[in-house]
Amino acid sequence: MRQILLFITMFLGLVTISFAQSDYYIKKAQSYQREAEYYQKKAKGYRREASYYLKKAEGYQREAAYYTKRGDINRAKTQTRYAEDAIDKYKTQLRYASDADDKAAMYLRWAADALKKH
């Protein structure tokens, strides 16, 4: 009788530990998924900002062409410099978006791994 009681107690303890560990991996996967969503939103914001800088660069280039036609070389050079700066910012934002996409993918892989352990 005592052995049966001990066996049942040990069995229930193992089952409880198993469920607790399973729950841990599920919560970990959910946490990783939230992180991935955060970085996906960041990447979207960086792309939106990159689009803004690209439009600004196009506007500056139009202005440079306009001033070139009018013969105002100094203003044309200034607008060209502004356009180059906007293109640099555009490239930077795209790089940030790519980095955020990479982090999101990493967190999604981690979430998948955590669910496999579940």
Protein backbone atom coordinates (compact mmCIF):
# COMPACT_ATOMS: atom_id res chain seq x y z
CA MET A 1 0.00 0.00 0.00
CA ARG A 2 2.77 2.38 0.93
CA GLN A 3 4.61 1.62 -2.30
CA ILE A 4 1.51 2.29 -4.37
CA LEU A 5 0.98 5.62 -2.63
CA LEU A 6 4.63 6.55 -3.22
CA PHE A 7 4.35 5.55 -6.88
CA ILE A 8 1.19 7.64 -7.38
CA THR A 9 2.80 10.64 -5.69
CA MET A 10 5.90 10.37 -7.88
CA PHE A 11 3.77 9.98 -11.01
CA LEU A 12 1.70 13.09 -10.19
CA GLY A 13 4.90 15.03 -9.49
CA LEU A 14 6.34 14.08 -12.88
CA VAL A 15 3.11 14.99 -14.65
CA THR A 16 3.03 18.37 -12.90
CA ILE A 17 6.65 19.10 -13.86
CA SER A 18 5.93 18.08 -17.44
CA PHE A 19 2.95 20.45 -17.68
CA ALA A 20 4.89 23.29 -16.07
CA GLN A 21 7.78 22.86 -18.50
CA SER A 22 5.37 22.66 -21.43
CA ASP A 23 3.69 25.87 -20.29
CA TYR A 24 7.09 27.54 -19.99
CA TYR A 25 7.94 26.86 -23.64
CA ILE A 26 4.54 28.06 -24.82
CA LYS A 27 4.96 31.34 -22.93
CA LYS A 28 8.50 31.67 -24.25
CA ALA A 29 7.26 31.15 -27.83
CA GLN A 30 4.56 33.77 -27.31
CA SER A 31 7.15 36.20 -25.98
CA TYR A 32 9.35 35.61 -29.01
CA GLN A 33 6.37 36.11 -31.29
CA ARG A 34 5.61 39.48 -29.67
CA GLU A 35 9.23 40.53 -30.17
CA ALA A 36 9.01 39.49 -33.83
CA GLU A 37 5.85 41.55 -34.29
CA TYR A 38 7.58 44.55 -32.70
CA TYR A 39 10.49 44.33 -35.13
CA GLN A 40 8.13 43.84 -38.08
CA LYS A 41 6.38 47.09 -37.11
CA LYS A 42 9.75 48.82 -36.79
CA ALA A 43 10.73 47.61 -40.27
CA LYS A 44 7.46 48.92 -41.68
CA GLY A 45 8.12 52.32 -40.08
CA TYR A 46 11.65 52.41 -41.47
CA ARG A 47 10.34 51.63 -44.96
CA ARG A 48 7.74 54.37 -44.66
CA GLU A 49 10.46 56.82 -43.65
CA ALA A 50 12.68 55.61 -46.51
CA SER A 51 9.83 56.33 -48.92
CA TYR A 52 9.56 59.84 -47.47
CA TYR A 53 13.27 60.51 -48.05
CA LEU A 54 13.06 59.16 -51.59
CA LYS A 55 10.23 61.58 -52.37
CA LYS A 56 12.21 64.41 -50.82
CA ALA A 57 15.23 63.51 -52.98
CA GLU A 58 13.08 63.51 -56.11
CA GLY A 59 11.75 66.95 -55.19
CA TYR A 60 15.25 68.28 -54.61
CA GLN A 61 16.38 66.90 -57.96
CA ARG A 62 13.47 68.62 -59.69
CA GLU A 63 14.42 71.86 -57.96
CA ALA A 64 18.04 71.41 -59.05
CA ALA A 65 16.93 70.92 -62.66
CA TYR A 66 14.72 74.01 -62.44
CA TYR A 67 17.54 76.19 -61.09
CA THR A 68 19.95 74.79 -63.66
CA LYS A 69 17.58 75.85 -66.46
CA ARG A 70 17.31 79.32 -64.93
CA GLY A 71 21.09 79.54 -64.74
CA ASP A 72 21.27 79.78 -60.94
CA ILE A 73 24.14 77.33 -60.46
CA ASN A 74 24.62 77.96 -56.73
CA ARG A 75 21.02 77.07 -55.90
CA ALA A 76 21.20 74.08 -58.25
CA LYS A 77 24.28 72.80 -56.41
CA THR A 78 22.58 73.32 -53.07
CA GLN A 79 19.50 71.39 -54.20
CA THR A 80 21.73 68.63 -55.57
CA ARG A 81 23.49 68.40 -52.20
CA TYR A 82 20.11 68.19 -50.46
CA ALA A 83 19.08 65.42 -52.85
CA GLU A 84 22.27 63.45 -52.16
CA ASP A 85 21.72 63.82 -48.43
CA ALA A 86 18.13 62.60 -48.77
CA ILE A 87 19.33 59.59 -50.80
CA ASP A 88 21.83 58.76 -48.05
CA LYS A 89 19.05 58.92 -45.46
CA TYR A 90 16.89 56.75 -47.73
CA LYS A 91 19.61 54.09 -47.89
CA THR A 92 20.12 54.26 -44.13
CA GLN A 93 16.42 53.72 -43.47
CA LEU A 94 16.39 50.74 -45.84
CA ARG A 95 19.36 49.27 -43.98
CA TYR A 96 17.53 49.75 -40.67
CA ALA A 97 14.46 48.04 -42.14
CA SER A 98 16.57 45.11 -43.31
CA ASP A 99 18.14 44.77 -39.87
CA ALA A 100 14.71 44.85 -38.22
CA ASP A 101 13.46 42.18 -40.67
CA ASP A 102 16.45 40.00 -39.76
CA LYS A 103 15.71 40.38 -36.04
CA ALA A 104 12.03 39.55 -36.60
CA ALA A 105 13.01 36.41 -38.51
CA MET A 106 15.41 35.43 -35.73
CA TYR A 107 12.68 35.76 -33.09
CA LEU A 108 10.26 33.75 -35.23
CA ARG A 109 12.86 30.97 -35.52
CA TRP A 110 13.31 31.04 -31.75
CA ALA A 111 9.54 30.84 -31.27
CA ALA A 112 9.37 27.83 -33.58
CA ASP A 113 12.20 26.16 -31.69
CA ALA A 114 10.47 26.78 -28.37
CA LEU A 115 7.27 25.19 -29.70
CA LYS A 116 9.25 22.16 -30.91
CA LYS A 117 10.49 21.67 -27.35
CA HIS A 118 6.88 21.84 -26.19
